[in-house]
Protein backbone atom coordinates (compact mmCIF):
# COMPACT_ATOMS: atom_id res chain seq x y z
CA MET A 1 4.49 20.44 25.92
CA LEU A 2 1.99 17.99 24.47
CA SER A 3 -1.59 19.01 23.81
CA ALA A 4 -4.46 16.80 22.71
CA GLN A 5 -6.17 17.63 19.44
CA THR A 6 -9.86 16.77 19.74
CA ASP A 7 -11.62 18.66 16.95
CA PRO A 8 -12.21 16.21 14.05
CA ASP A 9 -11.77 18.86 11.37
CA GLN A 10 -8.51 20.06 12.89
CA ILE A 11 -7.23 16.49 13.12
CA LEU A 12 -7.85 16.05 9.40
CA THR A 13 -6.25 19.40 8.62
CA THR A 14 -3.14 18.38 10.54
CA LEU A 15 -2.89 15.01 8.77
CA ARG A 16 -3.38 16.64 5.36
CA ARG A 17 -0.20 18.66 5.82
CA ARG A 18 1.64 15.42 4.95
CA PRO A 19 -0.92 13.49 2.91
CA LEU A 20 1.31 10.69 1.64
CA ALA A 21 2.89 9.97 5.02
CA ASN A 22 -0.60 9.89 6.57
CA VAL A 23 -2.38 8.22 3.67
CA VAL A 24 -3.52 5.17 5.66
CA LEU A 25 -4.96 7.31 8.45
CA LEU A 26 -6.72 9.57 5.97
CA LYS A 27 -8.12 6.59 4.08
CA PHE A 28 -9.88 5.17 7.14
CA LEU A 29 -10.94 8.52 8.60
CA THR A 30 -12.64 9.61 5.40
CA SER A 31 -14.10 6.28 4.24
CA ARG A 32 -15.30 4.68 7.51
CA PRO A 33 -15.45 7.41 10.17
CA GLU A 34 -18.14 5.55 12.08
CA GLY A 35 -15.76 2.65 12.71
CA VAL A 36 -12.75 4.53 14.06
CA ARG A 37 -11.58 6.41 17.12
CA VAL A 38 -8.70 8.84 16.80
CA HIS A 39 -6.30 10.36 19.32
CA GLN A 40 -3.86 13.06 18.24
CA LEU A 41 -1.11 14.75 20.26
CA VAL A 42 0.63 17.92 19.11
CA SER A 43 3.80 19.66 20.28
CA GLY A 44 4.77 22.60 18.09
CA ASP A 45 5.05 21.22 14.57
CA ARG A 46 5.42 17.63 15.79
CA VAL A 47 2.42 15.31 15.67
CA ALA A 48 1.54 11.81 16.85
CA THR A 49 -1.72 10.16 15.82
CA LEU A 50 -3.37 6.91 16.91
CA LEU A 51 -6.24 5.45 14.93
CA LEU A 52 -8.25 2.58 16.44
CA ILE A 53 -10.28 0.68 13.84
CA ASP A 54 -13.09 -1.65 14.85
CA HIS A 55 -12.70 -4.74 12.65
CA ALA A 56 -16.46 -4.89 12.20
CA PHE A 57 -15.93 -1.98 9.80
CA SER A 58 -12.92 -3.43 7.95
CA GLU A 59 -13.59 -6.45 5.74
CA TYR A 60 -9.89 -7.08 5.13
CA ASP A 61 -8.98 -7.09 8.82
CA LEU A 62 -12.02 -9.14 9.77
CA ALA A 63 -11.05 -11.85 7.27
CA THR A 64 -7.29 -11.71 7.80
CA TYR A 65 -7.23 -11.44 11.59
CA PRO A 66 -10.38 -13.25 12.79
CA ASP A 67 -9.13 -13.44 16.39
CA ALA A 68 -8.42 -9.70 16.65
CA HIS A 69 -10.99 -7.10 17.64
CA ALA A 70 -9.38 -3.92 16.31
CA SER A 71 -6.35 -2.41 14.63
CA ALA A 72 -4.17 0.35 16.03
CA ILE A 73 -2.39 2.49 13.44
CA ILE A 74 0.25 4.89 14.70
CA ALA A 75 1.92 7.74 12.83
CA SER A 76 4.35 9.68 15.00
CA ASP A 77 7.11 12.23 14.52
CA GLU A 78 9.18 10.97 17.45
CA PRO A 79 9.35 7.94 19.78
CA GLU A 80 8.44 9.76 23.00
CA MET A 81 5.25 11.03 21.41
CA THR A 82 4.44 7.45 20.44
CA ARG A 83 4.91 6.46 24.08
CA SER A 84 2.40 9.15 25.10
CA LEU A 85 -0.23 7.57 22.84
CA LEU A 86 -0.08 4.14 24.48
CA PRO A 87 -2.46 4.94 27.39
CA PHE A 88 -5.19 5.34 24.76
CA VAL A 89 -4.68 1.78 23.45
CA PRO A 90 -7.06 -0.81 24.97
CA ARG A 91 -5.27 -3.61 26.82
CA ASP A 92 -8.16 -6.04 27.24
CA ARG A 93 -8.51 -7.27 23.66
CA VAL A 94 -6.51 -8.77 20.81
CA LEU A 95 -5.15 -6.02 18.56
CA VAL A 96 -3.32 -5.66 15.28
CA PHE A 97 -0.71 -2.90 15.43
CA LYS A 98 0.14 -1.30 12.09
CA LEU A 99 3.40 0.60 12.41
CA CYS A 100 5.61 2.45 9.95
CA SER A 101 8.92 2.71 11.82
CA GLY A 102 11.31 0.62 13.87
CA ASP A 103 11.21 3.24 16.61
CA ASP A 104 7.46 2.84 16.98
CA ARG A 105 7.89 -0.95 17.00
CA ALA A 106 10.36 -0.68 19.88
CA ILE A 107 8.18 1.67 21.94
CA VAL A 108 4.97 -0.32 21.46
CA GLY A 109 6.84 -3.55 22.14
CA GLU A 110 7.70 -2.32 25.63
CA ALA A 111 4.01 -2.46 26.56
CA PHE A 112 2.52 -5.07 24.22
CA PRO A 113 3.78 -8.51 23.14
CA MET A 114 3.81 -8.48 19.34
CA GLU A 115 4.27 -11.00 16.56
CA ARG A 116 4.99 -9.79 13.03
CA ARG A 117 2.49 -10.91 10.39
CA THR A 118 3.11 -8.97 7.17
CA SER A 119 4.08 -5.63 5.63
CA PHE A 120 2.59 -3.45 2.92
CA ILE A 121 4.76 -1.21 0.77
CA SER A 122 3.36 2.00 -0.73
CA TYR A 123 4.78 3.52 -3.91
CA THR A 124 4.04 6.77 -5.70
CA SER A 125 4.87 8.48 -8.97
CA THR A 126 4.19 12.12 -9.77
CA ASP A 127 6.38 12.42 -12.87
CA PHE A 128 5.10 9.86 -15.31
CA SER A 129 4.76 9.79 -19.08
CA LEU A 130 2.95 7.09 -21.04
CA THR A 131 4.76 5.50 -23.96
CA GLY A 132 3.89 2.62 -26.26
CA GLU A 133 0.55 0.83 -26.23
CA THR A 134 -2.13 2.15 -23.93
CA ALA A 135 -4.91 0.45 -22.03
CA ARG A 136 -8.43 1.82 -22.08
CA ILE A 137 -9.55 4.17 -19.30
CA GLY A 138 -13.18 3.67 -18.32
CA THR A 139 -15.55 5.76 -16.24
CA VAL A 140 -18.85 4.00 -17.08
CA THR A 141 -19.94 1.29 -14.66
CA ALA A 142 -21.71 -0.73 -17.37
CA GLU A 143 -18.34 -1.34 -19.03
CA ALA A 144 -16.33 -2.03 -15.87
CA PRO A 145 -14.86 -5.56 -15.54
CA PHE A 146 -16.15 -6.15 -12.03
CA HIS A 147 -15.56 -9.90 -12.42
CA LEU A 148 -11.81 -9.27 -12.66
CA PHE A 149 -11.74 -7.12 -9.56
CA ALA A 150 -13.83 -9.65 -7.64
CA ALA A 151 -10.95 -12.11 -8.10
CA GLN A 152 -8.92 -9.77 -5.89
CA GLY A 153 -11.70 -9.43 -3.32
CA HIS A 154 -13.06 -6.06 -4.49
CA ARG A 155 -16.85 -5.97 -4.62
CA ALA A 156 -18.83 -4.16 -7.30
CA ALA A 157 -21.10 -2.82 -4.55
CA TRP A 158 -18.12 -0.84 -3.24
CA LEU A 159 -16.52 0.29 -6.51
CA GLN A 160 -19.64 1.13 -8.53
CA PRO A 161 -20.83 4.05 -6.35
CA LEU A 162 -17.32 5.54 -6.45
CA MET A 163 -17.35 5.44 -10.25
CA GLU A 164 -20.80 6.99 -10.34
CA ARG A 165 -19.55 9.89 -8.19
CA GLY A 166 -16.51 10.39 -10.41
CA GLU A 167 -14.18 9.15 -7.66
CA ALA A 168 -12.87 6.07 -9.48
CA PHE A 169 -12.00 4.84 -12.96
CA THR A 170 -10.85 1.59 -14.53
CA SER A 171 -7.90 0.75 -16.75
CA THR A 172 -8.29 -2.35 -18.92
CA ALA A 173 -6.51 -4.32 -21.63
CA GLU A 174 -8.82 -5.99 -24.12
CA VAL A 175 -8.34 -8.36 -27.04
CA ASP A 176 -11.22 -8.94 -29.47
CA GLY A 177 -13.62 -7.39 -27.01
CA GLU A 178 -12.57 -9.58 -24.09
CA CYS A 179 -11.07 -7.94 -21.01
CA LEU A 180 -7.90 -9.84 -20.14
CA SER A 181 -6.37 -7.55 -17.54
CA GLY A 182 -7.46 -4.60 -15.48
CA CYS A 183 -7.02 -2.37 -12.48
CA PHE A 184 -8.81 0.62 -11.03
CA ALA A 185 -7.92 3.88 -9.31
CA PHE A 186 -10.01 5.52 -6.63
CA LYS A 187 -9.93 8.66 -4.53
CA ILE A 188 -8.56 8.39 -1.00
CA ASP A 189 -8.50 12.04 0.07
CA GLY A 190 -7.86 15.30 -1.75
CA ASP A 191 -5.46 14.70 -4.63
CA ILE A 192 -4.35 11.26 -3.41
CA TRP A 193 -5.74 8.35 -5.44
CA GLU A 194 -4.93 4.67 -5.00
CA ILE A 195 -4.36 2.15 -7.79
CA GLY A 196 -5.63 -1.31 -6.87
CA GLY A 197 -7.31 -4.49 -8.03
CA VAL A 198 -4.60 -5.39 -10.54
CA TYR A 199 -5.55 -8.73 -12.08
CA THR A 200 -4.83 -10.63 -15.29
CA LEU A 201 -6.64 -13.77 -16.39
CA PRO A 202 -4.36 -16.80 -15.89
CA GLU A 203 -4.29 -17.65 -19.59
CA ALA A 204 -3.17 -14.11 -20.49
CA ARG A 205 -0.29 -13.75 -18.04
CA GLY A 206 3.31 -13.22 -19.09
CA ARG A 207 2.41 -10.71 -21.82
CA GLY A 208 2.97 -7.48 -19.90
CA LEU A 209 -0.73 -6.68 -19.66
CA ALA A 210 -0.64 -5.84 -15.94
CA ARG A 211 2.18 -3.40 -16.55
CA GLY A 212 0.17 -1.79 -19.33
CA VAL A 213 -2.98 -1.21 -17.28
CA VAL A 214 -1.06 0.18 -14.29
CA GLN A 215 1.02 2.36 -16.62
CA ALA A 216 -2.14 3.78 -18.18
CA ALA A 217 -3.71 4.41 -14.77
CA LEU A 218 -0.60 6.31 -13.67
CA ALA A 219 -0.68 8.39 -16.84
CA GLU A 220 -4.37 9.18 -16.33
CA LEU A 221 -3.74 10.32 -12.77
CA LYS A 222 -0.91 12.55 -13.97
CA ARG A 223 -3.17 13.99 -16.68
CA ARG A 224 -5.72 14.90 -13.99
CA GLY A 225 -3.07 16.45 -11.75
CA LEU A 226 -3.48 13.78 -9.08
CA VAL A 227 -0.99 11.86 -6.92
CA ALA A 228 -0.82 8.07 -7.13
CA ARG A 229 -0.50 5.51 -4.37
CA TYR A 230 0.23 1.91 -5.34
CA GLN A 231 0.28 -0.57 -2.46
CA VAL A 232 1.65 -4.13 -2.50
CA GLU A 233 2.25 -6.80 0.12
CA ASP A 234 5.93 -7.44 0.73
CA THR A 235 5.54 -11.07 -0.39
CA ASN A 236 4.06 -10.08 -3.76
CA LEU A 237 7.30 -10.02 -5.74
CA PRO A 238 5.67 -9.61 -9.20
CA SER A 239 3.88 -6.44 -8.06
CA ILE A 240 7.04 -5.11 -6.42
CA ARG A 241 8.98 -5.72 -9.63
CA LEU A 242 6.21 -3.99 -11.58
CA ALA A 243 6.39 -0.88 -9.38
CA GLU A 244 10.16 -0.75 -9.69
CA ALA A 245 10.06 -1.32 -13.46
CA LEU A 246 7.73 1.66 -13.79
CA GLY A 247 10.14 3.82 -11.79
CA MET A 248 7.82 4.30 -8.86
CA THR A 249 9.19 5.56 -5.54
CA ARG A 250 8.69 3.72 -2.25
CA PHE A 251 7.47 6.13 0.44
CA LEU A 252 5.91 4.03 3.20
CA THR A 253 6.17 0.54 4.68
CA LEU A 254 3.41 -0.40 7.10
CA THR A 255 4.11 -3.53 9.14
CA HIS A 256 1.37 -5.52 10.86
CA TYR A 257 1.88 -7.11 14.28
CA ILE A 258 -0.64 -9.21 16.17
CA SER A 259 -0.80 -8.61 19.93
CA ALA A 260 -2.57 -10.65 22.59
CA THR A 261 -4.34 -9.06 25.53
CA VAL A 262 -2.06 -7.62 28.19
CA ALA A 263 -4.53 -6.95 31.01
CA GLY A 264 -2.78 -7.06 34.33
CA ARG A 265 0.70 -6.38 32.98
């Protein structure tokens, strides 16, 4: 028998039982709670969760899907529970569904016309040792290469407060005092931290600098006893090769589908 979980704290507690599998849900629930609505169904130890994200609170979605009003992320333990979530999905607006299984795609597709747009692959590594040259780990905002991260669309106004709270650090490769490559890691929830913003100046590419800064960030997370998440778009072959070269493990693929309104169907 399905029961609806309505207490926000209990919803988070349930999701945190499987933090990597639910990392995307946890990321939005903890970072932009004012922009989301959540519905969770429970049956014994099985769980299905729907997160509706208003694109006014998601810069990426607002820029990438300008015709869509919201995103619907589903994480479900079985197809029939996914089906039970669909009455909570609005049918009078353009949506982006973000789904992590073919079963969910099939169930949602019965009620909503969907067109695939892209996929994001998440990797992790909890057993990592640093060898060879190391990049520099930074925790001081005055030394952070915000100009590099801006090239990837990450604003200093977002990253700087995280660093000041001890919830982010940078990893950089420098030559003669010039930062040529960098990335950062930031807290998502609990022990889960995400590595992002990997960027190398065009004139410094092909020298393994990106691998070095990501490698150092992974080692720093391991030193702190934290769990890494590294996310790449499925078309970004260099980043996929980097993750595989570092021995990272793929644990989640989240596929985006655009859906038109279905009012009256």
